[in-house]
Protein backbone atom coordinates (compact mmCIF):
# COMPACT_ATOMS: atom_id res chain seq x y z
CA MET A 1 0.01 0.00 0.00
CA ASP A 2 1.30 3.44 -0.96
CA PHE A 3 0.40 6.77 0.63
CA ILE A 4 0.74 9.66 -1.83
CA LEU A 5 2.00 12.89 -0.29
CA HIS A 6 -0.09 16.03 -0.92
CA ASN A 7 2.87 18.02 -2.24
CA GLY A 8 3.45 15.48 -5.01
CA SER A 9 7.11 15.01 -4.12
CA GLY A 10 6.93 11.24 -3.67
CA GLY A 11 5.24 8.37 -1.87
CA LEU A 12 5.29 7.00 1.65
CA CYS A 13 5.63 3.23 1.88
CA CYS A 14 4.26 1.29 4.86
CA LYS A 15 5.88 -2.02 3.99
CA SER A 16 8.81 -1.32 6.31
CA CYS A 17 6.57 -0.71 9.32
CA GLY A 18 5.83 -4.31 10.15
CA ARG A 19 4.43 -5.81 13.31
CA GLN A 20 6.42 -4.81 16.37
CA ASP A 21 6.82 -8.40 17.69
CA LYS A 22 9.04 -7.86 20.70
CA GLN A 23 12.63 -6.89 19.83
CA LEU A 24 13.00 -8.89 16.59
CA ASN A 25 11.44 -6.30 14.28
CA THR A 26 13.89 -4.64 11.87
CA TYR A 27 12.90 -1.42 10.13
CA ASP A 28 13.33 -1.86 6.39
CA TRP A 29 14.22 1.64 5.21
CA LEU A 30 14.82 0.33 1.66
CA ALA A 31 11.34 -1.16 1.24
CA ASP A 32 10.04 1.64 -1.04
CA ILE A 33 12.94 1.35 -3.50
CA PRO A 34 11.82 -0.36 -6.72
CA GLY A 35 13.36 -3.84 -7.15
CA ASN A 36 14.60 -4.08 -3.60
CA ALA A 37 13.07 -7.54 -2.99
CA GLU A 38 14.80 -8.95 -6.08
CA GLU A 39 18.24 -7.80 -5.04
CA SER A 40 18.81 -10.79 -2.73
CA ASP A 41 17.17 -14.22 -2.52
CA MET A 42 17.79 -14.39 1.28
CA VAL A 43 14.78 -13.94 3.55
CA GLU A 44 14.60 -13.47 7.30
CA ILE A 45 11.93 -15.64 9.02
CA GLN A 46 10.74 -15.25 12.61
CA PHE A 47 9.36 -18.09 14.73
CA LYS A 48 7.96 -18.26 18.28
CA ASN A 49 9.41 -15.90 20.89
CA THR A 50 12.84 -14.60 19.95
CA ARG A 51 13.90 -17.33 17.50
CA LYS A 52 14.50 -16.35 13.90
CA GLY A 53 16.49 -17.73 11.00
CA TYR A 54 17.59 -16.96 7.45
CA PHE A 55 16.37 -18.97 4.45
CA ARG A 56 16.92 -18.93 0.70
CA ASN A 57 14.04 -18.17 -1.62
CA SER A 58 15.18 -20.56 -4.32
CA ASN A 59 11.73 -20.82 -5.91
CA LYS A 60 11.54 -17.05 -6.48
CA ILE A 61 8.28 -16.75 -4.58
CA PRO A 62 7.06 -13.13 -4.35
CA LEU A 63 7.24 -12.47 -0.64
CA GLU A 64 6.50 -9.39 1.46
CA LYS A 65 6.90 -8.54 5.06
CA GLY A 66 4.26 -10.33 7.15
CA ASP A 67 3.69 -13.37 4.87
CA ILE A 68 3.36 -16.78 6.56
CA VAL A 69 5.55 -19.39 4.84
CA ALA A 70 6.52 -23.03 5.22
CA VAL A 71 10.29 -23.56 5.45
CA GLU A 72 12.59 -26.53 5.53
CA ALA A 73 13.26 -28.14 8.91
CA THR A 74 14.92 -31.24 10.32
CA PRO A 75 12.78 -33.25 10.06
CA GLY A 76 9.67 -32.02 8.23
CA HIS A 77 8.80 -28.37 7.83
CA ASP A 78 8.20 -25.38 10.07
CA ILE A 79 5.88 -22.38 9.92
CA GLY A 80 7.22 -18.84 10.27
CA ILE A 81 6.56 -15.20 9.39
CA VAL A 82 8.62 -13.13 6.93
CA THR A 83 10.16 -10.15 8.75
CA LEU A 84 12.77 -8.84 6.26
CA THR A 85 13.54 -9.07 2.54
CA GLY A 86 15.87 -7.41 0.09
CA ARG A 87 19.26 -5.81 0.56
CA LEU A 88 19.21 -5.61 4.34
CA VAL A 89 19.08 -9.39 4.84
CA PRO A 90 22.80 -9.98 4.00
CA LEU A 91 23.69 -7.22 6.44
CA GLN A 92 21.67 -8.88 9.19
CA MET A 93 23.33 -12.23 8.42
CA LYS A 94 26.72 -10.63 8.73
CA LYS A 95 25.67 -9.15 12.08
CA ALA A 96 24.56 -12.63 13.26
CA ASN A 97 27.90 -14.19 12.16
CA ILE A 98 26.28 -16.57 9.65
CA LYS A 99 29.03 -17.34 7.16
CA SER A 100 28.53 -20.91 5.80
CA GLU A 101 25.82 -21.05 3.17
CA ALA A 102 25.56 -24.82 3.52
CA ASP A 103 23.53 -24.46 6.70
CA ILE A 104 21.04 -22.12 4.99
CA LYS A 105 17.81 -23.94 4.19
CA ARG A 106 15.18 -23.02 1.67
CA ILE A 107 11.60 -21.81 1.64
CA TYR A 108 9.01 -24.32 0.40
CA ARG A 109 5.89 -22.28 -0.19
CA LYS A 110 3.43 -19.94 1.34
CA ALA A 111 1.46 -21.57 4.13
CA LYS A 112 -1.77 -23.32 3.16
CA PRO A 113 -4.87 -23.78 5.32
CA VAL A 114 -3.83 -27.39 6.03
CA ASP A 115 -0.44 -26.22 7.28
CA MET A 116 -2.06 -23.64 9.54
CA ASP A 117 -4.38 -26.30 11.05
CA LYS A 118 -1.43 -28.49 12.01
CA TYR A 119 0.46 -25.47 13.30
CA ASN A 120 -2.40 -24.34 15.56
CA GLU A 121 -2.88 -27.90 16.86
CA ALA A 122 0.78 -28.19 17.79
CA LYS A 123 0.82 -24.78 19.52
CA SER A 124 -2.13 -25.74 21.69
CA ARG A 125 -0.11 -28.55 23.31
CA GLU A 126 2.88 -26.42 24.34
CA HIS A 127 1.69 -25.32 27.78
CA ASP A 128 0.62 -28.78 28.93
CA THR A 129 3.88 -30.24 27.68
CA MET A 130 5.91 -27.68 29.63
CA ILE A 131 4.07 -28.41 32.92
CA ARG A 132 4.51 -32.19 32.52
CA ALA A 133 8.19 -31.82 31.55
CA ARG A 134 8.88 -29.82 34.70
CA GLN A 135 7.40 -32.60 36.81
CA ILE A 136 9.53 -35.20 35.03
CA ALA A 137 12.71 -33.16 35.60
CA LEU A 138 11.79 -32.82 39.26
CA ASP A 139 11.29 -36.57 39.63
CA LEU A 140 14.76 -37.15 38.09
CA ASN A 141 16.32 -34.73 40.63
CA LEU A 142 17.77 -32.51 37.89
CA ASN A 143 18.90 -29.01 38.92
CA MET A 144 17.27 -27.23 35.98
CA LYS A 145 14.19 -25.19 35.15
CA ILE A 146 12.26 -25.67 31.92
CA GLY A 147 11.09 -22.20 30.93
CA ASP A 148 9.31 -22.76 27.60
CA VAL A 149 8.43 -25.38 25.01
CA GLU A 150 8.14 -24.72 21.26
CA TYR A 151 6.58 -27.22 18.86
CA GLN A 152 7.61 -27.34 15.22
CA GLY A 153 5.01 -26.31 12.68
CA ASP A 154 4.19 -29.88 11.65
CA GLY A 155 4.27 -31.18 15.24
CA ASN A 156 7.13 -33.66 14.71
CA LYS A 157 9.67 -31.94 16.99
CA ALA A 158 9.64 -29.98 20.26
CA ILE A 159 12.32 -27.59 21.55
CA PHE A 160 12.66 -27.40 25.34
CA TYR A 161 14.25 -24.15 26.65
CA TYR A 162 15.80 -24.46 30.09
CA ILE A 163 18.09 -22.58 32.44
CA ALA A 164 20.59 -24.15 34.83
CA ASP A 165 23.43 -22.87 36.96
CA GLU A 166 25.53 -25.96 36.53
CA ARG A 167 26.09 -28.54 33.85
CA VAL A 168 23.14 -30.95 33.61
CA ASP A 169 23.15 -34.52 32.33
CA PHE A 170 19.73 -34.69 30.70
CA ARG A 171 20.24 -37.88 28.64
CA GLN A 172 17.78 -39.78 30.80
CA LEU A 173 15.39 -36.83 30.63
CA ILE A 174 15.36 -36.90 26.80
CA LYS A 175 14.45 -40.60 26.78
CA VAL A 176 11.59 -40.08 29.21
CA LEU A 177 10.27 -37.05 27.29
CA ALA A 178 10.40 -38.89 23.95
CA GLU A 179 8.40 -41.78 25.37
CA ALA A 180 5.89 -39.41 26.96
CA PHE A 181 5.21 -37.08 23.99
CA HIS A 182 6.23 -39.22 20.97
CA VAL A 183 8.11 -36.37 19.28
CA ARG A 184 11.72 -35.56 18.60
CA ILE A 185 13.26 -33.77 21.59
CA GLU A 186 15.75 -30.88 21.39
CA MET A 187 17.14 -29.22 24.50
CA LYS A 188 18.37 -25.59 24.30
CA GLN A 189 19.93 -23.78 27.23
CA ILE A 190 19.25 -20.04 27.65
CA GLY A 191 20.34 -17.46 30.21
CA ALA A 192 18.32 -15.78 32.92
CA ARG A 193 18.07 -12.57 30.88
CA GLN A 194 16.77 -14.45 27.84
CA GLU A 195 14.16 -16.15 29.99
CA ALA A 196 13.01 -12.81 31.42
CA GLY A 197 12.78 -11.50 27.86
CA ARG A 198 10.62 -14.45 26.87
CA ILE A 199 8.32 -14.17 29.87
CA GLY A 200 8.19 -10.36 29.93
CA GLY A 201 6.94 -8.15 32.71
CA ILE A 202 7.08 -4.66 34.26
CA GLY A 203 10.34 -3.34 35.67
CA PRO A 204 10.81 -1.26 38.85
CA CYS A 205 10.81 1.86 36.63
CA GLY A 206 7.17 1.19 35.71
CA ARG A 207 7.88 0.37 32.07
CA GLU A 208 8.01 -2.92 30.21
CA LEU A 209 11.27 -4.82 30.50
CA CYS A 210 14.00 -3.73 28.12
CA CYS A 211 14.96 -7.35 27.42
CA ALA A 212 11.39 -8.01 26.25
CA THR A 213 10.99 -4.94 24.04
CA TRP A 214 14.09 -3.68 22.23
CA MET A 215 17.29 -5.33 23.48
CA THR A 216 18.69 -7.83 20.97
CA SER A 217 22.04 -8.58 22.57
CA PHE A 218 22.88 -8.83 26.25
CA VAL A 219 26.13 -7.35 27.52
CA SER A 220 27.62 -8.53 30.79
CA VAL A 221 26.96 -6.21 33.72
CA SER A 222 29.48 -5.96 36.59
CA THR A 223 29.40 -4.29 39.95
CA SER A 224 32.02 -1.77 38.80
CA ALA A 225 29.24 0.02 36.90
CA ALA A 226 27.47 0.60 40.21
CA ARG A 227 30.68 1.77 41.89
CA PHE A 228 31.32 4.37 39.20
CA GLN A 229 27.86 5.81 39.76
CA ASP A 230 28.15 5.75 43.59
CA ILE A 231 25.22 3.35 43.93
CA SER A 232 24.96 1.35 47.11
CA LEU A 233 25.85 -2.29 46.48
CA ASN A 234 22.52 -3.60 47.66
CA PRO A 235 21.67 -6.87 45.82
CA GLN A 236 17.96 -6.36 46.29
CA LYS A 237 18.03 -3.00 44.50
CA LEU A 238 20.61 -3.82 41.85
CA ALA A 239 19.03 -7.10 40.76
CA GLY A 240 16.24 -7.29 38.18
CA GLN A 241 13.48 -9.80 37.73
CA CYS A 242 15.99 -12.26 36.29
CA ALA A 243 17.94 -12.20 39.61
CA LYS A 244 20.92 -10.71 37.72
CA LEU A 245 22.30 -7.19 37.72
CA LYS A 246 20.05 -4.76 35.88
CA CYS A 247 21.00 -4.09 32.28
CA CYS A 248 20.22 -0.38 32.77
CA LEU A 249 23.32 -0.02 34.98
CA ASN A 250 25.36 0.16 31.76
CA TYR A 251 23.29 2.97 30.25
CA GLU A 252 24.88 5.94 32.10
CA VAL A 253 28.19 4.51 33.23
CA ASP A 254 30.09 6.13 30.34
CA CYS A 255 28.81 9.56 31.34
CA TYR A 256 29.92 9.02 34.94
CA VAL A 257 33.35 7.80 33.89
CA GLU A 258 33.82 10.92 31.75
CA ALA A 259 32.67 13.22 34.54
CA GLN A 260 34.88 11.54 37.13
CA LYS A 261 37.95 12.54 35.18
CA ARG A 262 37.31 16.15 36.28
CA LEU A 263 37.63 15.14 39.95
CA PRO A 264 40.83 14.41 41.88
CA SER A 265 41.66 10.95 43.19
CA LYS A 266 40.01 9.74 46.41
CA GLU A 267 43.40 8.89 47.91
CA ILE A 268 44.72 12.46 47.83
CA GLU A 269 44.60 14.34 51.13
CA LEU A 270 44.23 18.13 51.39
CA GLU A 271 46.41 19.97 53.87
CA THR A 272 45.41 23.32 55.37
CA LYS A 273 46.46 25.37 58.35
CA ASP A 274 43.45 23.97 60.20
CA GLY A 275 44.50 20.35 59.61
CA ILE A 276 44.33 17.52 57.09
CA PHE A 277 41.10 16.72 55.25
CA TYR A 278 40.19 13.34 53.82
CA PHE A 279 37.86 12.38 51.01
CA PHE A 280 34.33 11.59 52.23
CA LYS A 281 31.98 11.58 49.22
CA ALA A 282 31.54 13.18 45.81
CA ASP A 283 28.68 14.33 43.60
CA ILE A 284 30.15 13.42 40.23
CA LEU A 285 27.65 15.15 37.93
CA SER A 286 27.63 18.46 39.84
CA ASN A 287 31.44 18.35 40.32
CA GLN A 288 31.28 18.73 44.13
CA ILE A 289 33.47 16.94 46.68
CA THR A 290 32.93 16.66 50.42
CA TYR A 291 35.98 16.33 52.70
CA SER A 292 36.12 15.33 56.35
CA SER A 293 38.68 16.14 59.01
CA ASP A 294 38.47 12.55 60.28
CA LYS A 295 39.39 9.59 58.10
CA ASN A 296 36.89 7.18 59.58
CA ILE A 297 33.83 9.20 60.56
CA PRO A 298 32.24 12.34 59.06
CA ALA A 299 33.50 15.35 61.04
CA ASN A 300 33.73 19.01 60.04
CA LEU A 301 32.41 18.26 56.57
CA VAL A 302 33.38 20.82 53.95
CA THR A 303 32.02 20.71 50.37
CA ILE A 304 34.09 22.32 47.63
CA SER A 305 34.22 22.17 43.85
CA GLY A 306 36.62 20.07 41.86
CA ARG A 307 38.41 23.17 40.58
CA ARG A 308 39.07 24.31 44.17
CA ALA A 309 40.35 20.82 45.10
CA PHE A 310 42.85 20.85 42.23
CA GLU A 311 43.90 24.34 43.26
CA ILE A 312 44.61 23.24 46.86
CA ILE A 313 46.51 20.17 45.59
CA GLY A 314 48.73 22.46 43.51
CA LEU A 315 49.38 24.66 46.53
CA ASN A 316 50.27 21.66 48.69
CA ARG A 317 52.77 20.44 46.14
CA ARG A 318 54.52 23.81 46.36
CA GLY A 319 54.53 23.61 50.18
CA ILE A 320 51.79 26.17 50.69
CA LYS A 321 48.91 25.51 53.08
CA PRO A 322 45.82 27.66 52.57
CA GLU A 323 43.79 29.07 55.42
CA SER A 324 40.78 26.80 54.73
CA LEU A 325 39.30 24.69 52.02
CA LEU A 326 36.66 27.24 51.14
CA GLU A 327 37.43 29.89 48.58
CA GLU A 328 38.12 33.37 49.79
CA THR A 329 34.99 35.46 49.41
CA ARG A 330 35.64 38.59 47.45
CA GLN A 331 33.28 41.44 48.12
CA GLN A 332 32.10 42.80 44.85
CA GLU A 333 31.64 46.55 44.62
CA PRO A 334 28.04 47.54 44.05
CA LYS A 335 27.40 48.52 40.49
CA LYS A 336 26.42 52.10 39.83
CA PRO A 337 22.86 52.36 38.56
CA VAL A 338 22.51 53.34 34.95
CA ASP A 339 18.78 53.92 34.96
CA LEU A 340 17.63 57.24 36.39
CA LEU A 341 14.86 55.54 38.32
CA GLU A 342 17.42 53.47 40.22
CA GLN A 343 19.24 56.49 41.60
CA GLU A 344 16.54 57.08 44.20
CA SER A 345 15.47 54.48 46.69
CA LEU A 346 11.84 53.42 46.44
CA THR A 347 11.68 52.99 50.20
CA ARG A 348 12.31 56.65 50.86
CA PHE A 349 8.56 57.18 51.18
CA ASP A 350 8.43 54.65 54.02
CA ARG A 351 10.68 56.63 56.38
CA ASN A 352 9.10 57.70 59.68
CA ARG A 353 9.11 61.46 59.83
CA LYS A 354 8.68 63.28 63.11
CA ASN A 355 5.71 65.52 62.51
CA LYS A 356 5.71 68.57 64.67
CA GLY A 357 2.10 69.32 63.87
CA GLY A 358 0.58 65.98 64.96
CA ASP A 359 1.03 62.72 66.75
CA ASN A 360 3.09 60.02 65.04
CA ASN A 361 0.68 57.25 66.07
CA GLY A 362 -2.58 58.97 65.21
CA GLY A 363 -4.01 61.85 63.32
CA GLY A 364 -3.91 60.43 59.84
CA ASN A 365 -3.32 62.62 56.85
CA ASN A 366 -4.92 65.66 58.47
CA GLY A 367 -2.27 65.81 61.14
CA ASN A 368 0.57 65.58 58.63
CA ALA A 369 -0.98 68.22 56.42
CA ASN A 370 -1.53 70.59 59.37
CA GLY A 371 2.01 70.00 60.62
CA ASN A 372 3.51 70.85 57.26
CA ARG A 373 1.33 73.97 57.03
CA ASN A 374 2.45 75.11 60.48
CA LYS A 375 6.09 74.58 59.56
CA LYS A 376 5.69 76.98 56.68
CA LYS A 377 4.03 79.53 58.95
CA LYS A 378 6.85 79.36 61.48
CA LYS A 379 9.44 79.63 58.80
CA ASN A 380 7.81 82.79 57.47
CA ASN A 381 7.47 84.30 60.97
CA ARG A 382 10.96 83.62 62.26
CA PRO A 383 12.88 86.02 60.02
CA GLN A 384 10.41 88.83 60.80
CA GLY A 385 10.85 88.36 64.51
CA GLY A 386 14.61 88.17 64.11
CA GLU A 387 14.77 91.40 62.19
CA GLN A 388 12.73 93.15 64.78
CA VAL A 389 15.01 92.02 67.57
CA ALA A 390 18.25 92.73 65.77
CA THR A 391 17.49 96.28 64.56
CA PRO A 392 16.88 99.21 66.93
CA GLN A 393 13.29 100.36 66.95
CA SER A 394 11.84 103.82 67.25
CA LYS A 395 9.04 104.88 69.46
CA GLU A 396 6.55 104.45 66.67
CA GLN A 397 7.53 100.91 66.14
CA GLN A 398 7.59 99.99 69.85
CA PRO A 399 3.81 99.44 70.10
CA LYS A 400 4.17 96.73 67.47
CA GLN A 401 6.29 94.63 69.79
CA PRO A 402 3.40 93.30 71.84
CA GLN A 403 1.73 92.27 68.61
CA ASP A 404 4.87 90.43 67.50
CA ARG A 405 5.20 88.88 70.92
CA GLN A 406 1.56 87.95 70.78
CA SER A 407 1.91 86.47 67.30
CA ARG A 408 4.90 84.42 68.44
CA SER A 409 3.18 83.42 71.61
CA GLY A 410 0.09 82.64 69.58
CA GLY A 411 2.16 80.47 67.21
CA THR A 412 3.75 78.75 70.19
CA SER A 413 0.37 78.16 71.77
CA ARG A 414 -0.96 76.79 68.48
CA GLN A 415 2.08 74.50 68.19
CA ASN A 416 1.65 73.23 71.75
CA SER A 417 -2.05 72.73 71.23
CA GLU A 418 -1.42 70.77 68.03
CA GLN A 419 1.26 68.61 69.70
CA GLN A 420 -1.20 67.73 72.45
CA GLY A 421 -3.82 66.92 69.86
CA GLY A 422 -4.20 63.73 67.92
CA GLN A 423 -5.98 61.80 70.68
CA GLU A 424 -9.43 62.29 69.28
CA GLN A 425 -10.33 63.22 65.73
CA GLY A 426 -13.18 65.56 66.73
CA GLU A 427 -11.09 67.71 69.03
CA ARG A 428 -8.33 68.03 66.42
CA SER A 429 -10.70 69.13 63.68
CA GLN A 430 -12.20 71.73 66.06
CA ARG A 431 -8.78 73.13 66.87
CA ASN A 432 -7.91 73.27 63.19
CA ASN A 433 -11.03 75.27 62.52
CA ASN A 434 -10.08 77.70 65.30
CA ASN A 435 -6.58 78.03 63.91
CA ARG A 436 -7.91 78.77 60.44
CA ARG A 437 -10.28 81.44 61.88
CA ASN A 438 -7.41 83.09 63.78
CA PHE A 439 -5.22 82.97 60.69
CA ARG A 440 -7.93 84.72 58.62
CA ASN A 441 -8.34 87.38 61.34
CA ASN A 442 -4.58 88.05 61.48
CA LYS A 443 -4.46 88.23 57.72
CA SER A 444 -7.33 90.73 57.57
CA ASN A 445 -5.63 92.96 60.23
CA PRO A 446 -1.95 93.55 59.36
CA GLN A 447 0.62 94.09 62.05
CA GLY A 448 1.33 97.67 61.08
CA ASP A 449 -2.20 98.84 61.86
CA LYS A 450 -2.46 100.49 65.30
CA SER A 451 -6.03 99.36 65.73
CA THR A 452 -4.87 95.80 66.02
CA ALA A 453 -2.50 96.58 68.87
CA PRO A 454 -3.39 94.76 72.09
CA GLN A 455 -5.11 96.71 74.83
CA GLY A 456 -3.31 97.28 78.09
CA ASP A 457 -0.51 99.34 79.51
CA LYS A 458 1.89 100.91 77.13
CA PRO A 459 5.37 99.47 77.52
CA ALA A 460 8.03 101.73 78.82
CA GLN A 461 10.69 103.07 76.54
CA ASN A 462 13.48 101.59 78.57
CA ASP A 463 12.04 98.13 78.30
CA LYS A 464 14.01 95.85 76.10
CA PRO A 465 12.32 93.77 73.49
CA ALA A 466 11.92 90.15 74.24
């Protein structure tokens, strides 16, 4: 089936996207090339579980990915599914180290309904055969575990997959199994990882097992991979469902080995004026090392970077002992603001100002406004009073002194009254009204007018101004 692109640049072939049957599927990126299937007569065939083989299409049968075919077997024939054709098959054979062409068998035909009936009948007996074979092995006191049984497509042969820690003499077992099932017996030993891949399951990470999905080859895993990553050597945490070390321990070990080259050796001791520090632990990825003043127990732990550790090691080689392991903190000068808005502090409005015209705790905005207004009044009155005191006055000006004294005394009385205010809002507003009325009266009657002079005895000429 071809999917034509809308832009008309070409076609999209779906022949390469076959069934994702565990980890045996191979993406055929040459499937849409014309004449790819005729380039090679070798075909890759997949059987039950993870078993697959390579066969020769000597009859030039037109095959595509997903076809069910009958292939040559010993004895009889077997039923399998085509998983790969064309130019990629020789490359897969080279990867599987298949060199001798004498062992390569041929494809008979595409499977017929009669072949499929025999195949389904043989597959239905596999589970019961496995349970009975386990009981027979137990009766013979064999230290082995039969994990799976695979019948050939025609039902003439059965393959028993088993795992064992030691060498097993199963000659007596083969005789008993042949008499019990009347088929040809073949024993094939697999590893614990292969068995876990056949059974499948969910790993501790919450995903399906890697050995059952995409892993095609199993690399040996050692405890050194856990040591490089500073993982605790706990067998319960490091072991997978196959009771072996987890394959995922090898995924990130190269990254840790590369990062560990940027850290000093654990055996190197750092000398300072405070004492000698020993390696305690290291965070490899963040390039941080923790040193302890005691070699056996954690004491006075200090965490520094790898660069600082190399710097101290260089100083110790020259006979210099630093003050401490930590780097000397350098106080950076504050940067001068460039923006005009940064030149003034925004908290300058939050400063507590001592208002002379009202109480700091109460009064609200009215008290602050009245205090500022009274400051302006006093500022305007002070120079007038100062000029009158500093300059000699004539007799005509002497009557004005009581008025000045009264105005100053009035201002002082108003200031004292306003400082005592602020306890109740009603009393303060009443005093403010009185002050405004007095201010209007003083403004309407200037100081120079004699009619506004206070009544009473005329001051003597010899009296000095206050």
